[in-house]
Protein backbone atom coordinates (compact mmCIF):
# COMPACT_ATOMS: atom_id res chain seq x y z
CA MET A 1 101.45 119.12 124.04
CA LEU A 2 98.74 118.98 121.41
CA MET A 3 96.20 116.21 121.89
CA SER A 4 97.05 115.03 118.36
CA ASP A 5 100.56 114.33 119.74
CA SER A 6 99.24 112.32 122.70
CA PRO A 7 100.30 108.69 123.19
CA LEU A 8 96.80 107.57 122.15
CA ALA A 9 96.96 109.58 118.92
CA GLN A 10 100.47 108.27 118.22
CA THR A 11 99.30 104.69 118.73
CA PHE A 12 96.40 105.02 116.34
CA ASN A 13 98.38 107.06 113.79
CA SER A 14 100.77 104.13 113.59
CA THR A 15 97.90 101.70 112.92
CA SER A 16 96.50 103.32 109.78
CA SER A 17 97.24 100.57 107.24
CA GLU A 18 96.35 97.62 109.51
CA PHE A 19 93.36 99.48 110.96
CA ASP A 20 91.77 99.78 107.56
CA ARG A 21 92.63 96.24 106.50
CA ILE A 22 90.30 94.88 109.19
CA THR A 23 87.53 97.41 108.49
CA PRO A 24 85.52 95.09 106.20
CA LEU A 25 85.45 92.41 108.90
CA LEU A 26 85.26 94.48 112.08
CA TRP A 27 84.82 98.25 112.14
CA GLY A 28 82.72 98.36 108.97
CA PRO A 29 79.79 96.11 110.00
CA ALA A 30 79.41 97.96 113.30
CA GLY A 31 79.70 101.39 111.69
CA GLN A 32 77.12 100.53 109.06
CA SER A 33 74.78 99.15 111.73
CA LEU A 34 75.15 102.32 113.81
CA ALA A 35 74.39 104.57 110.84
CA PHE A 36 71.22 102.56 110.11
CA ALA A 37 70.16 102.49 113.78
CA LEU A 38 70.38 106.30 113.97
CA GLU A 39 67.61 106.48 111.33
CA LEU A 40 69.34 109.33 109.54
CA ALA A 41 67.39 111.31 106.98
CA ALA A 42 68.36 113.32 103.93
CA GLY A 43 69.65 116.74 104.95
CA ASP A 44 70.66 115.74 108.50
CA SER A 45 73.81 117.02 110.19
CA VAL A 46 75.93 114.43 112.02
CA LEU A 47 78.87 114.63 114.40
CA ASP A 48 80.94 111.42 114.24
CA VAL A 49 83.46 111.18 117.09
CA CYS A 50 86.52 108.89 117.25
CA THR A 51 85.86 108.39 113.57
CA GLY A 52 89.01 106.48 112.59
CA THR A 53 88.88 105.89 108.83
CA GLY A 54 85.16 106.60 108.67
CA ALA A 55 83.49 103.25 109.36
CA SER A 56 80.35 104.97 110.65
CA ALA A 57 80.93 108.43 109.17
CA ILE A 58 80.96 107.28 105.54
CA PRO A 59 77.64 105.37 105.71
CA ALA A 60 76.23 108.34 107.61
CA ALA A 61 77.28 110.65 104.76
CA GLN A 62 75.60 108.32 102.27
CA ALA A 63 72.42 108.40 104.36
CA VAL A 64 72.16 112.17 104.76
CA GLY A 65 72.82 112.85 101.08
CA PRO A 66 74.23 115.92 99.36
CA ASP A 67 72.10 118.30 101.43
CA GLY A 68 73.40 116.84 104.71
CA ILE A 69 76.79 117.12 106.40
CA VAL A 70 78.98 114.85 108.52
CA HIS A 71 81.75 116.24 110.70
CA ALA A 72 84.10 113.32 111.37
CA ILE A 73 86.63 114.06 114.10
CA ASP A 74 89.53 112.10 115.55
CA LEU A 75 92.96 112.74 117.08
CA ALA A 76 94.72 110.43 114.60
CA ASP A 77 95.18 112.37 111.38
CA ASP A 78 96.78 109.40 109.59
CA LEU A 79 93.51 107.49 110.03
CA LEU A 80 91.54 110.54 108.91
CA GLU A 81 93.61 110.78 105.73
CA VAL A 82 92.61 107.22 104.84
CA GLY A 83 89.01 108.25 105.42
CA ARG A 84 89.41 111.29 103.18
CA LEU A 85 90.72 109.11 100.36
CA LYS A 86 87.85 106.65 100.79
CA ALA A 87 85.28 109.44 100.76
CA THR A 88 86.84 110.91 97.62
CA SER A 89 86.75 107.49 95.92
CA ALA A 90 83.05 107.27 96.81
CA ALA A 91 82.44 110.81 95.43
CA LEU A 92 81.19 111.98 98.83
CA ARG A 93 81.47 115.74 99.18
CA ASN A 94 79.35 116.09 102.32
CA ILE A 95 81.86 114.80 104.86
CA ASP A 96 84.66 116.71 106.57
CA PHE A 97 87.42 114.73 108.29
CA VAL A 98 88.90 116.99 110.97
CA CYS A 99 91.80 116.31 113.33
CA ALA A 100 90.26 117.61 116.54
CA ASP A 101 89.91 116.96 120.25
CA ALA A 102 86.43 115.76 121.24
CA THR A 103 86.76 117.55 124.57
CA GLU A 104 87.05 120.90 122.77
CA TRP A 105 84.99 120.49 119.59
CA GLU A 106 82.32 123.11 118.98
CA ALA A 107 79.78 122.99 116.20
CA PRO A 108 80.48 125.58 113.46
CA SER A 109 78.02 128.42 112.93
CA THR A 110 76.35 126.52 110.08
CA ILE A 111 75.00 124.07 112.70
CA ASP A 112 72.96 126.78 114.36
CA THR A 113 70.48 124.68 116.37
CA GLY A 114 72.67 121.67 117.09
CA TYR A 115 73.46 118.44 115.26
CA ASP A 116 70.68 116.10 114.23
CA ALA A 117 72.75 113.11 115.34
CA LEU A 118 75.86 112.11 117.27
CA ALA A 119 77.71 108.84 116.53
CA CYS A 120 80.64 107.23 118.33
CA SER A 121 81.65 103.72 117.28
CA TYR A 122 84.05 101.87 119.62
CA GLY A 123 85.21 105.20 120.96
CA ILE A 124 83.53 106.21 124.21
CA PHE A 125 85.99 104.24 126.36
CA PHE A 126 88.90 106.21 124.84
CA LEU A 127 87.38 109.55 125.82
CA PRO A 128 89.03 111.27 128.81
CA ASP A 129 86.50 111.07 131.65
CA MET A 130 83.97 109.15 129.57
CA ASP A 131 80.85 110.45 131.32
CA ILE A 132 81.76 114.14 131.33
CA THR A 133 83.15 114.24 127.79
CA PHE A 134 80.26 112.33 126.27
CA SER A 135 77.70 114.44 128.14
CA ARG A 136 79.31 117.52 126.61
CA LEU A 137 79.06 115.97 123.15
CA VAL A 138 75.39 115.12 123.70
CA GLY A 139 74.91 118.80 124.47
CA LEU A 140 75.92 119.58 120.88
CA VAL A 141 72.87 117.62 119.62
CA LYS A 142 69.56 119.42 119.22
CA LEU A 143 66.63 118.41 121.41
CA GLY A 144 64.94 115.50 119.70
CA GLY A 145 68.16 114.58 117.90
CA ARG A 146 69.56 111.06 118.01
CA VAL A 147 72.61 109.75 119.85
CA GLY A 148 74.29 106.43 119.05
CA VAL A 149 77.28 104.38 120.18
CA THR A 150 78.78 100.94 119.65
CA VAL A 151 80.75 99.05 122.30
CA TRP A 152 82.05 95.52 122.75
CA ARG A 153 79.53 93.20 124.39
CA LYS A 154 80.65 91.60 127.66
CA GLY A 155 82.96 88.69 126.87
CA ALA A 156 83.74 89.87 123.34
CA VAL A 157 87.42 89.66 122.40
CA LYS A 158 88.14 88.28 125.90
CA GLU A 159 89.77 84.98 124.95
CA PHE A 160 91.81 86.77 122.30
CA GLY A 161 92.83 89.54 124.72
CA ASP A 162 93.65 87.15 127.56
CA ALA A 163 96.00 85.17 125.32
CA TYR A 164 97.61 88.29 123.89
CA PHE A 165 98.36 89.93 127.22
CA GLU A 166 99.61 86.62 128.63
CA VAL A 167 102.28 86.62 125.94
CA ILE A 168 103.02 90.31 126.48
CA GLU A 169 103.49 89.61 130.19
CA ARG A 170 106.09 86.94 129.44
CA HIS A 171 108.29 89.57 127.83
CA SER A 172 107.43 92.52 130.07
CA PRO A 173 106.49 91.29 133.56
CA GLY A 174 104.48 93.88 135.45
CA GLY A 175 104.45 96.20 132.46
CA GLY A 176 101.10 97.67 133.46
CA HIS A 177 99.61 97.71 129.96
CA THR A 178 96.34 99.60 129.93
CA GLY A 179 93.43 100.16 127.59
CA PRO A 180 89.84 98.97 127.28
CA LEU A 181 90.88 95.40 126.45
CA SER A 182 93.93 95.03 128.68
CA ARG A 183 93.99 92.94 131.84
CA THR A 184 95.47 95.74 133.94
CA GLY A 185 92.73 97.58 135.80
CA TYR A 186 90.21 95.39 133.99
CA GLU A 187 87.37 95.70 136.46
CA SER A 188 87.77 99.48 136.90
CA ASN A 189 87.89 100.24 133.17
CA PRO A 190 84.95 102.36 131.92
CA LEU A 191 84.09 99.62 129.42
CA ARG A 192 82.92 97.44 132.32
CA ARG A 193 80.05 99.89 132.92
CA VAL A 194 78.59 99.68 129.41
CA GLU A 195 79.20 96.10 128.26
CA THR A 196 75.68 94.68 128.67
CA SER A 197 72.44 95.80 127.05
CA GLU A 198 71.03 96.80 130.41
CA THR A 199 74.01 98.80 131.65
CA LEU A 200 74.57 100.48 128.29
CA ALA A 201 70.92 101.53 128.11
CA ALA A 202 71.09 102.90 131.65
CA TRP A 203 74.27 104.81 130.80
CA LEU A 204 72.68 106.45 127.74
CA GLU A 205 69.62 107.36 129.79
CA ALA A 206 71.92 109.05 132.29
CA GLN A 207 73.31 110.99 129.33
CA ARG A 208 69.90 112.69 128.84
CA CYS A 209 68.61 110.22 126.27
CA GLU A 210 65.20 108.56 126.15
CA SER A 211 63.65 105.88 123.94
CA VAL A 212 66.93 104.00 124.18
CA ARG A 213 67.29 100.88 122.06
CA VAL A 214 70.15 98.40 122.23
CA THR A 215 70.67 95.63 119.68
CA GLU A 216 73.35 92.95 119.62
CA LEU A 217 75.43 92.56 116.48
CA SER A 218 76.85 89.02 116.50
CA ASN A 219 80.17 88.86 114.66
CA HIS A 220 82.68 85.99 114.85
CA VAL A 221 85.73 86.60 112.66
CA PRO A 222 87.90 83.61 111.66
CA ALA A 223 91.23 83.86 113.47
CA THR A 224 93.47 83.61 110.42
CA GLU A 225 97.12 84.58 110.91
CA GLU A 226 96.58 87.64 108.75
CA PHE A 227 93.52 88.89 110.63
CA VAL A 228 94.94 88.13 114.08
CA TRP A 229 98.06 90.23 113.63
CA ASN A 230 96.29 92.99 111.70
CA PHE A 231 93.82 93.21 114.60
CA VAL A 232 96.70 93.60 117.05
CA LEU A 233 98.46 96.22 114.93
CA GLY A 234 95.26 97.98 113.84
CA SER A 235 93.71 98.53 117.25
CA GLY A 236 94.48 99.64 120.79
CA PHE A 237 96.24 96.29 121.32
CA ARG A 238 99.19 97.81 119.46
CA GLY A 239 100.04 100.08 122.38
CA ALA A 240 101.33 97.11 124.40
CA LEU A 241 104.03 96.55 121.75
CA SER A 242 105.47 100.05 121.92
CA GLY A 243 108.38 99.19 124.21
CA PHE A 244 109.64 96.20 122.25
CA ASP A 245 112.20 96.01 119.43
CA ASP A 246 111.37 94.36 116.10
CA ALA A 247 112.91 91.01 117.05
CA THR A 248 110.86 90.80 120.26
CA ARG A 249 107.70 91.77 118.38
CA ASP A 250 108.32 88.92 115.94
CA THR A 251 108.73 86.55 118.87
CA ILE A 252 105.52 87.83 120.50
CA ARG A 253 103.66 87.35 117.23
CA ALA A 254 104.84 83.75 116.87
CA GLU A 255 104.10 82.88 120.50
CA PHE A 256 100.68 84.50 120.35
CA LEU A 257 99.65 82.58 117.24
CA GLU A 258 100.91 79.35 118.83
CA LEU A 259 98.92 80.04 122.00
CA LEU A 260 95.72 80.71 120.06
CA THR A 261 96.18 77.39 118.26
CA ALA A 262 96.94 75.54 121.50
CA ARG A 263 93.76 76.89 123.09
CA GLY A 264 91.61 76.11 120.08
CA ILE A 265 90.72 79.77 119.52
CA ASP A 266 89.83 79.67 115.84
CA SER A 267 87.64 82.77 115.73
CA VAL A 268 87.51 86.17 117.39
CA ASP A 269 84.25 87.02 119.13
CA ALA A 270 83.68 90.60 118.00
CA THR A 271 80.06 90.77 119.16
CA THR A 272 79.02 94.39 119.54
CA LEU A 273 76.22 96.34 121.19
CA VAL A 274 74.63 99.06 119.03
CA ALA A 275 72.73 101.58 121.12
CA THR A 276 70.70 104.66 120.17
CA GLY A 277 68.54 107.15 122.01
CA VAL A 278 66.84 110.50 121.60
CA ARG A 279 68.17 113.59 123.36
CA THR A 280 65.33 115.04 125.43
CA ALA A 281 67.03 117.39 127.89
């Protein structure tokens, strides 16, 4: 089975329209912040992993200019196609959206000494064996190049996720829904190891990075009905709906919105950690 046909790729391929609808409120601010934090310069080469529709790859392409290049890779080609259209609309010709497996990606011969920068926004916890795969990606960056990631800060999206999976559990008791924001295996999920400034910095240092800096991007998105359900359908939350028919999904949606209202959850805490470091070994 091709990795692009994996359950994860299928989930995110099905999210393409909703995924991009929430970009201005969610993925976009973090991606822009990551591109700035990497201190990219004109002419740089960038590898953007788990790129989605290009939330960090597109601002990176704008930063490196026509003499630079961004290789934006993801397993979900439907998301990549949205990114291609956005890049075309922005007249960006220095970005390649490639459906590829991060565990197998190799820099083309034009990147002869390694990438100047590696970016991964909200993606490291989806990588198979997070430590090993990311270490391999860091190895594609030249010595002295920059490495950057974004992750949810501890407690972010928790109230939202708790309510959502409570409703899911009503309709699928013991369903064993997994993912970085699910309640199943919560404490053992890789995200738990990188959700504070201190632990994220230590993790990047263990990935052969020095001069690590972590900043907190505070972002509280109003929990409108439109945003709430687009967030579910446009993120990894969608995977928990895969076993339900349309009627049950409609019921879950209604019950979830009612529960958010009952608990007074009127905004989604999307606070994010933006971390960068310099590859030194």
